[in-house]
Amino acid sequence: LAAPKPIRVMETPMVFRERLHGESKLGPYVMIEFILMV
């Protein structure tokens, strides 16, 4: 969103794997920050 336009973008497919160790960092604080950025 911040980069000068136009942006030359490519995408390559990724299979998103299951987490084996630890815990997700996605919590209420993270979502509040996301909403503020939006």
PDB file of all heavy atoms in Angstrom:
ATOM      1  N   LEU A   1       0.817  -1.206   0.000  1.00  0.00           N
ATOM      2  CA  LEU A   1       0.000   0.000   0.000  1.00  0.00           C
ATOM      3  C   LEU A   1       0.856   1.264   0.000  1.00  0.00           C
ATOM      4  O   LEU A   1       0.455   2.296  -0.545  1.00  0.00           O
ATOM      5  CB  LEU A   1      -0.945   0.003   1.198  1.00  0.00           C
ATOM      6  CG  LEU A   1      -2.017  -1.094   1.213  1.00  0.00           C
ATOM      7  CD1 LEU A   1      -2.833  -1.028   2.499  1.00  0.00           C
ATOM      8  CD2 LEU A   1      -2.940  -0.979   0.006  1.00  0.00           C
ATOM      9  N   ALA A   2       2.048   1.187   0.603  1.00  0.00           N
ATOM     10  CA  ALA A   2       2.910   2.364   0.709  1.00  0.00           C
ATOM     11  C   ALA A   2       3.827   2.544  -0.495  1.00  0.00           C
ATOM     12  O   ALA A   2       4.333   3.641  -0.727  1.00  0.00           O
ATOM     13  CB  ALA A   2       3.752   2.279   1.978  1.00  0.00           C
ATOM     14  N   ALA A   3       4.047   1.479  -1.269  1.00  0.00           N
ATOM     15  CA  ALA A   3       5.009   1.525  -2.373  1.00  0.00           C
ATOM     16  C   ALA A   3       4.518   2.416  -3.511  1.00  0.00           C
ATOM     17  O   ALA A   3       3.318   2.488  -3.779  1.00  0.00           O
ATOM     18  CB  ALA A   3       5.258   0.116  -2.892  1.00  0.00           C
ATOM     19  N   PRO A   4       5.453   3.097  -4.200  1.00  0.00           N
ATOM     20  CA  PRO A   4       5.073   3.881  -5.381  1.00  0.00           C
ATOM     21  C   PRO A   4       4.456   2.976  -6.444  1.00  0.00           C
ATOM     22  O   PRO A   4       4.860   1.823  -6.604  1.00  0.00           O
ATOM     23  CB  PRO A   4       6.410   4.455  -5.863  1.00  0.00           C
ATOM     24  CG  PRO A   4       7.323   4.379  -4.677  1.00  0.00           C
ATOM     25  CD  PRO A   4       6.886   3.184  -3.897  1.00  0.00           C
ATOM     26  N   LYS A   5       3.459   3.491  -7.124  1.00  0.00           N
ATOM     27  CA  LYS A   5       2.766   2.731  -8.159  1.00  0.00           C
ATOM     28  C   LYS A   5       3.277   3.158  -9.546  1.00  0.00           C
ATOM     29  O   LYS A   5       3.690   4.291  -9.730  1.00  0.00           O
ATOM     30  CB  LYS A   5       1.252   2.956  -8.047  1.00  0.00           C
ATOM     31  CG  LYS A   5       0.685   2.742  -6.644  1.00  0.00           C
ATOM     32  CD  LYS A   5       0.913   1.341  -6.116  1.00  0.00           C
ATOM     33  CE  LYS A   5       0.200   1.105  -4.786  1.00  0.00           C
ATOM     34  NZ  LYS A   5       0.780   1.815  -3.653  1.00  0.00           N
ATOM     35  N   PRO A   6       3.269   2.242 -10.509  1.00  0.00           N
ATOM     36  CA  PRO A   6       2.830   0.846 -10.402  1.00  0.00           C
ATOM     37  C   PRO A   6       3.905  -0.046  -9.776  1.00  0.00           C
ATOM     38  O   PRO A   6       5.082   0.290  -9.793  1.00  0.00           O
ATOM     39  CB  PRO A   6       2.586   0.459 -11.861  1.00  0.00           C
ATOM     40  CG  PRO A   6       3.562   1.290 -12.634  1.00  0.00           C
ATOM     41  CD  PRO A   6       3.655   2.604 -11.889  1.00  0.00           C
ATOM     42  N   ILE A   7       3.452  -1.164  -9.218  1.00  0.00           N
ATOM     43  CA  ILE A   7       4.362  -2.146  -8.634  1.00  0.00           C
ATOM     44  C   ILE A   7       4.419  -3.358  -9.554  1.00  0.00           C
ATOM     45  O   ILE A   7       3.389  -3.868  -9.979  1.00  0.00           O
ATOM     46  CB  ILE A   7       3.877  -2.602  -7.244  1.00  0.00           C
ATOM     47  CG1 ILE A   7       3.592  -1.407  -6.343  1.00  0.00           C
ATOM     48  CG2 ILE A   7       4.908  -3.513  -6.595  1.00  0.00           C
ATOM     49  CD1 ILE A   7       2.926  -1.784  -5.032  1.00  0.00           C
ATOM     50  N   ARG A   8       5.638  -3.809  -9.835  1.00  0.00           N
ATOM     51  CA  ARG A   8       5.785  -5.059 -10.601  1.00  0.00           C
ATOM     52  C   ARG A   8       5.737  -6.220  -9.605  1.00  0.00           C
ATOM     53  O   ARG A   8       6.690  -6.457  -8.872  1.00  0.00           O
ATOM     54  CB  ARG A   8       7.082  -5.065 -11.383  1.00  0.00           C
ATOM     55  CG  ARG A   8       7.190  -3.977 -12.460  1.00  0.00           C
ATOM     56  CD  ARG A   8       8.465  -4.138 -13.250  1.00  0.00           C
ATOM     57  NE  ARG A   8       9.622  -4.086 -12.370  1.00  0.00           N
ATOM     58  CZ  ARG A   8      10.801  -4.648 -12.641  1.00  0.00           C
ATOM     59  NH1 ARG A   8      10.983  -5.320 -13.772  1.00  0.00           N
ATOM     60  NH2 ARG A   8      11.804  -4.550 -11.786  1.00  0.00           N
ATOM     61  N   VAL A   9       4.604  -6.918  -9.593  1.00  0.00           N
ATOM     62  CA  VAL A   9       4.365  -7.973  -8.609  1.00  0.00           C
ATOM     63  C   VAL A   9       4.261  -9.327  -9.297  1.00  0.00           C
ATOM     64  O   VAL A   9       3.653  -9.442 -10.364  1.00  0.00           O
ATOM     65  CB  VAL A   9       3.072  -7.704  -7.812  1.00  0.00           C
ATOM     66  CG1 VAL A   9       2.837  -8.799  -6.788  1.00  0.00           C
ATOM     67  CG2 VAL A   9       3.141  -6.357  -7.117  1.00  0.00           C
ATOM     68  N   MET A  10       4.830 -10.336  -8.675  1.00  0.00           N
ATOM     69  CA  MET A  10       4.636 -11.719  -9.098  1.00  0.00           C
ATOM     70  C   MET A  10       4.156 -12.522  -7.892  1.00  0.00           C
ATOM     71  O   MET A  10       4.400 -12.151  -6.750  1.00  0.00           O
ATOM     72  CB  MET A  10       5.933 -12.336  -9.644  1.00  0.00           C
ATOM     73  CG  MET A  10       6.339 -11.848 -11.017  1.00  0.00           C
ATOM     74  SD  MET A  10       7.847 -12.699 -11.601  1.00  0.00           S
ATOM     75  CE  MET A  10       7.275 -14.416 -11.646  1.00  0.00           C
ATOM     76  N   GLU A  11       3.480 -13.631  -8.169  1.00  0.00           N
ATOM     77  CA  GLU A  11       3.079 -14.558  -7.114  1.00  0.00           C
ATOM     78  C   GLU A  11       3.487 -15.967  -7.514  1.00  0.00           C
ATOM     79  O   GLU A  11       3.447 -16.331  -8.684  1.00  0.00           O
ATOM     80  CB  GLU A  11       1.572 -14.493  -6.878  1.00  0.00           C
ATOM     81  CG  GLU A  11       1.103 -13.182  -6.275  1.00  0.00           C
ATOM     82  CD  GLU A  11      -0.381 -13.176  -5.975  1.00  0.00           C
ATOM     83  OE1 GLU A  11      -0.772 -13.618  -4.881  1.00  0.00           O
ATOM     84  OE2 GLU A  11      -1.149 -12.713  -6.846  1.00  0.00           O
ATOM     85  N   THR A  12       3.877 -16.734  -6.533  1.00  0.00           N
ATOM     86  CA  THR A  12       4.189 -18.141  -6.747  1.00  0.00           C
ATOM     87  C   THR A  12       3.389 -18.964  -5.738  1.00  0.00           C
ATOM     88  O   THR A  12       3.190 -18.525  -4.602  1.00  0.00           O
ATOM     89  CB  THR A  12       5.704 -18.411  -6.597  1.00  0.00           C
ATOM     90  OG1 THR A  12       6.005 -19.761  -6.970  1.00  0.00           O
ATOM     91  CG2 THR A  12       6.173 -18.185  -5.170  1.00  0.00           C
ATOM     92  N   PRO A  13       2.855 -20.115  -6.142  1.00  0.00           N
ATOM     93  CA  PRO A  13       1.986 -20.869  -5.222  1.00  0.00           C
ATOM     94  C   PRO A  13       2.724 -21.407  -4.009  1.00  0.00           C
ATOM     95  O   PRO A  13       3.879 -21.835  -4.107  1.00  0.00           O
ATOM     96  CB  PRO A  13       1.455 -22.004  -6.098  1.00  0.00           C
ATOM     97  CG  PRO A  13       2.424 -22.130  -7.217  1.00  0.00           C
ATOM     98  CD  PRO A  13       2.962 -20.758  -7.458  1.00  0.00           C
ATOM     99  N   MET A  14       2.047 -21.381  -2.872  1.00  0.00           N
ATOM    100  CA  MET A  14       2.592 -21.918  -1.631  1.00  0.00           C
ATOM    101  C   MET A  14       1.544 -22.759  -0.918  1.00  0.00           C
ATOM    102  O   MET A  14       0.378 -22.351  -0.813  1.00  0.00           O
ATOM    103  CB  MET A  14       3.031 -20.786  -0.695  1.00  0.00           C
ATOM    104  CG  MET A  14       3.443 -21.281   0.696  1.00  0.00           C
ATOM    105  SD  MET A  14       3.877 -19.967   1.878  1.00  0.00           S
ATOM    106  CE  MET A  14       2.303 -19.151   2.102  1.00  0.00           C
ATOM    107  N   VAL A  15       1.962 -23.898  -0.423  1.00  0.00           N
ATOM    108  CA  VAL A  15       1.115 -24.720   0.445  1.00  0.00           C
ATOM    109  C   VAL A  15       1.459 -24.351   1.881  1.00  0.00           C
ATOM    110  O   VAL A  15       2.590 -24.536   2.333  1.00  0.00           O
ATOM    111  CB  VAL A  15       1.352 -26.221   0.194  1.00  0.00           C
ATOM    112  CG1 VAL A  15       0.549 -27.050   1.190  1.00  0.00           C
ATOM    113  CG2 VAL A  15       0.985 -26.583  -1.235  1.00  0.00           C
ATOM    114  N   PHE A  16       0.495 -23.802   2.579  1.00  0.00           N
ATOM    115  CA  PHE A  16       0.685 -23.335   3.952  1.00  0.00           C
ATOM    116  C   PHE A  16       0.548 -24.530   4.892  1.00  0.00           C
ATOM    117  O   PHE A  16      -0.501 -25.155   4.976  1.00  0.00           O
ATOM    118  CB  PHE A  16      -0.367 -22.272   4.269  1.00  0.00           C
ATOM    119  CG  PHE A  16      -0.123 -21.514   5.537  1.00  0.00           C
ATOM    120  CD1 PHE A  16       0.925 -20.613   5.644  1.00  0.00           C
ATOM    121  CD2 PHE A  16      -0.957 -21.694   6.638  1.00  0.00           C
ATOM    122  CE1 PHE A  16       1.143 -19.898   6.813  1.00  0.00           C
ATOM    123  CE2 PHE A  16      -0.744 -20.986   7.810  1.00  0.00           C
ATOM    124  CZ  PHE A  16       0.306 -20.083   7.902  1.00  0.00           C
ATOM    125  N   ARG A  17       1.634 -24.844   5.612  1.00  0.00           N
ATOM    126  CA  ARG A  17       1.677 -26.056   6.420  1.00  0.00           C
ATOM    127  C   ARG A  17       1.146 -25.830   7.834  1.00  0.00           C
ATOM    128  O   ARG A  17       1.037 -24.700   8.294  1.00  0.00           O
ATOM    129  CB  ARG A  17       3.128 -26.567   6.483  1.00  0.00           C
ATOM    130  CG  ARG A  17       3.695 -26.899   5.108  1.00  0.00           C
ATOM    131  CD  ARG A  17       5.078 -27.488   5.190  1.00  0.00           C
ATOM    132  NE  ARG A  17       6.077 -26.562   5.645  1.00  0.00           N
ATOM    133  CZ  ARG A  17       7.290 -26.417   5.081  1.00  0.00           C
ATOM    134  NH1 ARG A  17       7.622 -27.140   4.024  1.00  0.00           N
ATOM    135  NH2 ARG A  17       8.159 -25.556   5.564  1.00  0.00           N
ATOM    136  N   GLU A  18       0.858 -26.924   8.525  1.00  0.00           N
ATOM    137  CA  GLU A  18       0.407 -26.841   9.914  1.00  0.00           C
ATOM    138  C   GLU A  18       1.585 -26.533  10.829  1.00  0.00           C
ATOM    139  O   GLU A  18       2.716 -26.946  10.578  1.00  0.00           O
ATOM    140  CB  GLU A  18      -0.238 -28.164  10.342  1.00  0.00           C
ATOM    141  CG  GLU A  18      -1.553 -28.462   9.640  1.00  0.00           C
ATOM    142  CD  GLU A  18      -2.220 -29.712  10.175  1.00  0.00           C
ATOM    143  OE1 GLU A  18      -1.724 -30.248  11.195  1.00  0.00           O
ATOM    144  OE2 GLU A  18      -3.214 -30.163   9.588  1.00  0.00           O
ATOM    145  N   ARG A  19       1.301 -25.806  11.893  1.00  0.00           N
ATOM    146  CA  ARG A  19       2.328 -25.492  12.886  1.00  0.00           C
ATOM    147  C   ARG A  19       2.599 -26.742  13.733  1.00  0.00           C
ATOM    148  O   ARG A  19       1.677 -27.396  14.217  1.00  0.00           O
ATOM    149  CB  ARG A  19       1.858 -24.342  13.776  1.00  0.00           C
ATOM    150  CG  ARG A  19       2.776 -24.063  14.948  1.00  0.00           C
ATOM    151  CD  ARG A  19       2.210 -22.978  15.835  1.00  0.00           C
ATOM    152  NE  ARG A  19       2.579 -21.657  15.360  1.00  0.00           N
ATOM    153  CZ  ARG A  19       3.695 -21.021  15.713  1.00  0.00           C
ATOM    154  NH1 ARG A  19       4.564 -21.619  16.529  1.00  0.00           N
ATOM    155  NH2 ARG A  19       3.954 -19.810  15.269  1.00  0.00           N
ATOM    156  N   LEU A  20       3.892 -27.050  13.924  1.00  0.00           N
ATOM    157  CA  LEU A  20       4.278 -28.216  14.722  1.00  0.00           C
ATOM    158  C   LEU A  20       4.632 -27.842  16.154  1.00  0.00           C
ATOM    159  O   LEU A  20       4.392 -28.605  17.088  1.00  0.00           O
ATOM    160  CB  LEU A  20       5.469 -28.918  14.061  1.00  0.00           C
ATOM    161  CG  LEU A  20       5.220 -29.486  12.657  1.00  0.00           C
ATOM    162  CD1 LEU A  20       6.493 -30.117  12.123  1.00  0.00           C
ATOM    163  CD2 LEU A  20       4.085 -30.501  12.679  1.00  0.00           C
ATOM    164  N   HIS A  21       5.258 -26.673  16.332  1.00  0.00           N
ATOM    165  CA  HIS A  21       5.704 -26.250  17.660  1.00  0.00           C
ATOM    166  C   HIS A  21       5.251 -24.818  17.916  1.00  0.00           C
ATOM    167  O   HIS A  21       5.083 -24.028  16.996  1.00  0.00           O
ATOM    168  CB  HIS A  21       7.235 -26.310  17.774  1.00  0.00           C
ATOM    169  CG  HIS A  21       7.816 -27.647  17.426  1.00  0.00           C
ATOM    170  ND1 HIS A  21       7.701 -28.744  18.246  1.00  0.00           N
ATOM    171  CD2 HIS A  21       8.521 -28.048  16.336  1.00  0.00           C
ATOM    172  CE1 HIS A  21       8.315 -29.773  17.676  1.00  0.00           C
ATOM    173  NE2 HIS A  21       8.816 -29.377  16.528  1.00  0.00           N
ATOM    174  N   GLY A  22       5.091 -24.482  19.182  1.00  0.00           N
ATOM    175  CA  GLY A  22       4.748 -23.116  19.557  1.00  0.00           C
ATOM    176  C   GLY A  22       3.288 -22.796  19.304  1.00  0.00           C
ATOM    177  O   GLY A  22       2.483 -23.658  18.964  1.00  0.00           O
ATOM    178  N   GLU A  23       2.948 -21.511  19.472  1.00  0.00           N
ATOM    179  CA  GLU A  23       1.575 -21.064  19.342  1.00  0.00           C
ATOM    180  C   GLU A  23       1.483 -19.897  18.368  1.00  0.00           C
ATOM    181  O   GLU A  23       2.435 -19.146  18.187  1.00  0.00           O
ATOM    182  CB  GLU A  23       1.025 -20.612  20.707  1.00  0.00           C
ATOM    183  CG  GLU A  23       0.964 -21.725  21.742  1.00  0.00           C
ATOM    184  CD  GLU A  23       0.448 -21.228  23.074  1.00  0.00           C
ATOM    185  OE1 GLU A  23       0.208 -20.007  23.193  1.00  0.00           O
ATOM    186  OE2 GLU A  23       0.280 -22.056  23.982  1.00  0.00           O
ATOM    187  N   SER A  24       0.325 -19.756  17.746  1.00  0.00           N
ATOM    188  CA  SER A  24       0.085 -18.648  16.827  1.00  0.00           C
ATOM    189  C   SER A  24       0.177 -17.314  17.571  1.00  0.00           C
ATOM    190  O   SER A  24      -0.228 -17.197  18.724  1.00  0.00           O
ATOM    191  CB  SER A  24      -1.294 -18.785  16.187  1.00  0.00           C
ATOM    192  OG  SER A  24      -1.629 -17.609  15.469  1.00  0.00           O
ATOM    193  N   LYS A  25       0.707 -16.298  16.870  1.00  0.00           N
ATOM    194  CA  LYS A  25       0.807 -14.948  17.454  1.00  0.00           C
ATOM    195  C   LYS A  25      -0.442 -14.118  17.175  1.00  0.00           C
ATOM    196  O   LYS A  25      -0.519 -12.951  17.548  1.00  0.00           O
ATOM    197  CB  LYS A  25       2.027 -14.214  16.876  1.00  0.00           C
ATOM    198  CG  LYS A  25       3.321 -15.019  16.892  1.00  0.00           C
ATOM    199  CD  LYS A  25       3.720 -15.457  18.276  1.00  0.00           C
ATOM    200  CE  LYS A  25       5.081 -16.128  18.293  1.00  0.00           C
ATOM    201  NZ  LYS A  25       5.146 -17.393  17.591  1.00  0.00           N
ATOM    202  N   LEU A  26      -1.434 -14.717  16.508  1.00  0.00           N
ATOM    203  CA  LEU A  26      -2.637 -13.976  16.133  1.00  0.00           C
ATOM    204  C   LEU A  26      -3.572 -13.869  17.333  1.00  0.00           C
ATOM    205  O   LEU A  26      -4.267 -14.802  17.683  1.00  0.00           O
ATOM    206  CB  LEU A  26      -3.353 -14.676  14.976  1.00  0.00           C
ATOM    207  CG  LEU A  26      -4.548 -13.934  14.366  1.00  0.00           C
ATOM    208  CD1 LEU A  26      -4.132 -12.589  13.819  1.00  0.00           C
ATOM    209  CD2 LEU A  26      -5.195 -14.778  13.282  1.00  0.00           C
ATOM    210  N   GLY A  27      -3.559 -12.705  17.966  1.00  0.00           N
ATOM    211  CA  GLY A  27      -4.402 -12.467  19.126  1.00  0.00           C
ATOM    212  C   GLY A  27      -5.156 -11.159  18.988  1.00  0.00           C
ATOM    213  O   GLY A  27      -5.066 -10.480  17.984  1.00  0.00           O
ATOM    214  N   PRO A  28      -5.891 -10.756  20.028  1.00  0.00           N
ATOM    215  CA  PRO A  28      -6.694  -9.528  19.967  1.00  0.00           C
ATOM    216  C   PRO A  28      -5.864  -8.285  19.663  1.00  0.00           C
ATOM    217  O   PRO A  28      -6.270  -7.428  18.883  1.00  0.00           O
ATOM    218  CB  PRO A  28      -7.317  -9.459  21.365  1.00  0.00           C
ATOM    219  CG  PRO A  28      -7.314 -10.867  21.855  1.00  0.00           C
ATOM    220  CD  PRO A  28      -6.090 -11.502  21.277  1.00  0.00           C
ATOM    221  N   TYR A  29      -4.671  -8.169  20.280  1.00  0.00           N
ATOM    222  CA  TYR A  29      -3.841  -6.986  20.054  1.00  0.00           C
ATOM    223  C   TYR A  29      -3.424  -6.887  18.588  1.00  0.00           C
ATOM    224  O   TYR A  29      -3.421  -5.801  17.999  1.00  0.00           O
ATOM    225  CB  TYR A  29      -2.612  -7.036  20.957  1.00  0.00           C
ATOM    226  CG  TYR A  29      -1.646  -5.895  20.721  1.00  0.00           C
ATOM    227  CD1 TYR A  29      -1.925  -4.621  21.220  1.00  0.00           C
ATOM    228  CD2 TYR A  29      -0.476  -6.095  19.992  1.00  0.00           C
ATOM    229  CE1 TYR A  29      -1.050  -3.575  21.002  1.00  0.00           C
ATOM    230  CE2 TYR A  29       0.403  -5.050  19.767  1.00  0.00           C
ATOM    231  CZ  TYR A  29       0.112  -3.792  20.273  1.00  0.00           C
ATOM    232  OH  TYR A  29       0.973  -2.758  20.044  1.00  0.00           O
ATOM    233  N   VAL A  30      -3.056  -8.015  18.019  1.00  0.00           N
ATOM    234  CA  VAL A  30      -2.641  -8.048  16.617  1.00  0.00           C
ATOM    235  C   VAL A  30      -3.777  -7.595  15.708  1.00  0.00           C
ATOM    236  O   VAL A  30      -3.589  -6.829  14.767  1.00  0.00           O
ATOM    237  CB  VAL A  30      -2.179  -9.476  16.231  1.00  0.00           C
ATOM    238  CG1 VAL A  30      -2.059  -9.628  14.724  1.00  0.00           C
ATOM    239  CG2 VAL A  30      -0.852  -9.787  16.890  1.00  0.00           C
ATOM    240  N   MET A  31      -4.989  -8.043  16.010  1.00  0.00           N
ATOM    241  CA  MET A  31      -6.134  -7.665  15.180  1.00  0.00           C
ATOM    242  C   MET A  31      -6.470  -6.185  15.329  1.00  0.00           C
ATOM    243  O   MET A  31      -6.868  -5.529  14.364  1.00  0.00           O
ATOM    244  CB  MET A  31      -7.345  -8.530  15.529  1.00  0.00           C
ATOM    245  CG  MET A  31      -7.189  -9.988  15.140  1.00  0.00           C
ATOM    246  SD  MET A  31      -6.565 -10.205  13.435  1.00  0.00           S
ATOM    247  CE  MET A  31      -7.833  -9.361  12.486  1.00  0.00           C
ATOM    248  N   ILE A  32      -6.280  -5.635  16.521  1.00  0.00           N
ATOM    249  CA  ILE A  32      -6.507  -4.199  16.719  1.00  0.00           C
ATOM    250  C   ILE A  32      -5.519  -3.395  15.869  1.00  0.00           C
ATOM    251  O   ILE A  32      -5.884  -2.412  15.224  1.00  0.00           O
ATOM    252  CB  ILE A  32      -6.370  -3.831  18.212  1.00  0.00           C
ATOM    253  CG1 ILE A  32      -7.547  -4.411  19.007  1.00  0.00           C
ATOM    254  CG2 ILE A  32      -6.309  -2.318  18.398  1.00  0.00           C
ATOM    255  CD1 ILE A  32      -7.383  -4.301  20.513  1.00  0.00           C
ATOM    256  N   GLU A  33      -4.256  -3.833  15.851  1.00  0.00           N
ATOM    257  CA  GLU A  33      -3.258  -3.158  15.039  1.00  0.00           C
ATOM    258  C   GLU A  33      -3.611  -3.226  13.553  1.00  0.00           C
ATOM    259  O   GLU A  33      -3.436  -2.264  12.811  1.00  0.00           O
ATOM    260  CB  GLU A  33      -1.877  -3.788  15.273  1.00  0.00           C
ATOM    261  CG  GLU A  33      -1.242  -3.420  16.593  1.00  0.00           C
ATOM    262  CD  GLU A  33      -0.746  -1.984  16.621  1.00  0.00           C
ATOM    263  OE1 GLU A  33      -0.800  -1.316  15.577  1.00  0.00           O
ATOM    264  OE2 GLU A  33      -0.331  -1.531  17.697  1.00  0.00           O
ATOM    265  N   PHE A  34      -4.130  -4.376  13.124  1.00  0.00           N
ATOM    266  CA  PHE A  34      -4.522  -4.531  11.727  1.00  0.00           C
ATOM    267  C   PHE A  34      -5.653  -3.567  11.377  1.00  0.00           C
ATOM    268  O   PHE A  34      -5.625  -2.893  10.338  1.00  0.00           O
ATOM    269  CB  PHE A  34      -4.955  -5.974  11.454  1.00  0.00           C
ATOM    270  CG  PHE A  34      -5.513  -6.190  10.076  1.00  0.00           C
ATOM    271  CD1 PHE A  34      -4.670  -6.211   8.976  1.00  0.00           C
ATOM    272  CD2 PHE A  34      -6.868  -6.367   9.877  1.00  0.00           C
ATOM    273  CE1 PHE A  34      -5.173  -6.402   7.708  1.00  0.00           C
ATOM    274  CE2 PHE A  34      -7.385  -6.554   8.617  1.00  0.00           C
ATOM    275  CZ  PHE A  34      -6.533  -6.583   7.523  1.00  0.00           C
ATOM    276  N   ILE A  35      -6.641  -3.479  12.254  1.00  0.00           N
ATOM    277  CA  ILE A  35      -7.778  -2.577  12.015  1.00  0.00           C
ATOM    278  C   ILE A  35      -7.310  -1.127  11.955  1.00  0.00           C
ATOM    279  O   ILE A  35      -7.748  -0.346  11.098  1.00  0.00           O
ATOM    280  CB  ILE A  35      -8.845  -2.773  13.111  1.00  0.00           C
ATOM    281  CG1 ILE A  35      -9.497  -4.155  12.960  1.00  0.00           C
ATOM    282  CG2 ILE A  35      -9.917  -1.681  13.019  1.00  0.00           C
ATOM    283  CD1 ILE A  35     -10.342  -4.565  14.158  1.00  0.00           C
ATOM    284  N   LEU A  36      -6.395  -0.739  12.845  1.00  0.00           N
ATOM    285  CA  LEU A  36      -5.863   0.623  12.842  1.00  0.00           C
ATOM    286  C   LEU A  36      -5.121   0.920  11.541  1.00  0.00           C
ATOM    287  O   LEU A  36      -5.227   2.025  10.988  1.00  0.00           O
ATOM    288  CB  LEU A  36      -4.932   0.829  14.037  1.00  0.00           C
ATOM    289  CG  LEU A  36      -5.601   0.873  15.415  1.00  0.00           C
ATOM    290  CD1 LEU A  36      -4.549   0.954  16.515  1.00  0.00           C
ATOM    291  CD2 LEU A  36      -6.560   2.061  15.512  1.00  0.00           C
ATOM    292  N   MET A  37      -4.375  -0.074  11.042  1.00  0.00           N
ATOM    293  CA  MET A  37      -3.665   0.122   9.780  1.00  0.00           C
ATOM    294  C   MET A  37      -4.648   0.318   8.633  1.00  0.00           C
ATOM    295  O   MET A  37      -4.460   1.157   7.753  1.00  0.00           O
ATOM    296  CB  MET A  37      -2.745  -1.072   9.488  1.00  0.00           C
ATOM    297  CG  MET A  37      -1.938  -0.905   8.206  1.00  0.00           C
ATOM    298  SD  MET A  37      -0.840  -2.300   7.887  1.00  0.00           S
ATOM    299  CE  MET A  37      -2.014  -3.580   7.494  1.00  0.00           C
ATOM    300  N   VAL A  38      -5.730  -0.465   8.626  1.00  0.00           N
ATOM    301  CA  VAL A  38      -6.750  -0.337   7.587  1.00  0.00           C
ATOM    302  C   VAL A  38      -7.388   1.051   7.628  1.00  0.00           C
ATOM    303  O   VAL A  38      -7.544   1.716   6.594  1.00  0.00           O
ATOM    304  CB  VAL A  38      -7.833  -1.431   7.747  1.00  0.00           C
ATOM    305  CG1 VAL A  38      -9.037  -1.129   6.864  1.00  0.00           C
ATOM    306  CG2 VAL A  38      -7.256  -2.800   7.419  1.00  0.00           C
TER     307      VAL A  38
END
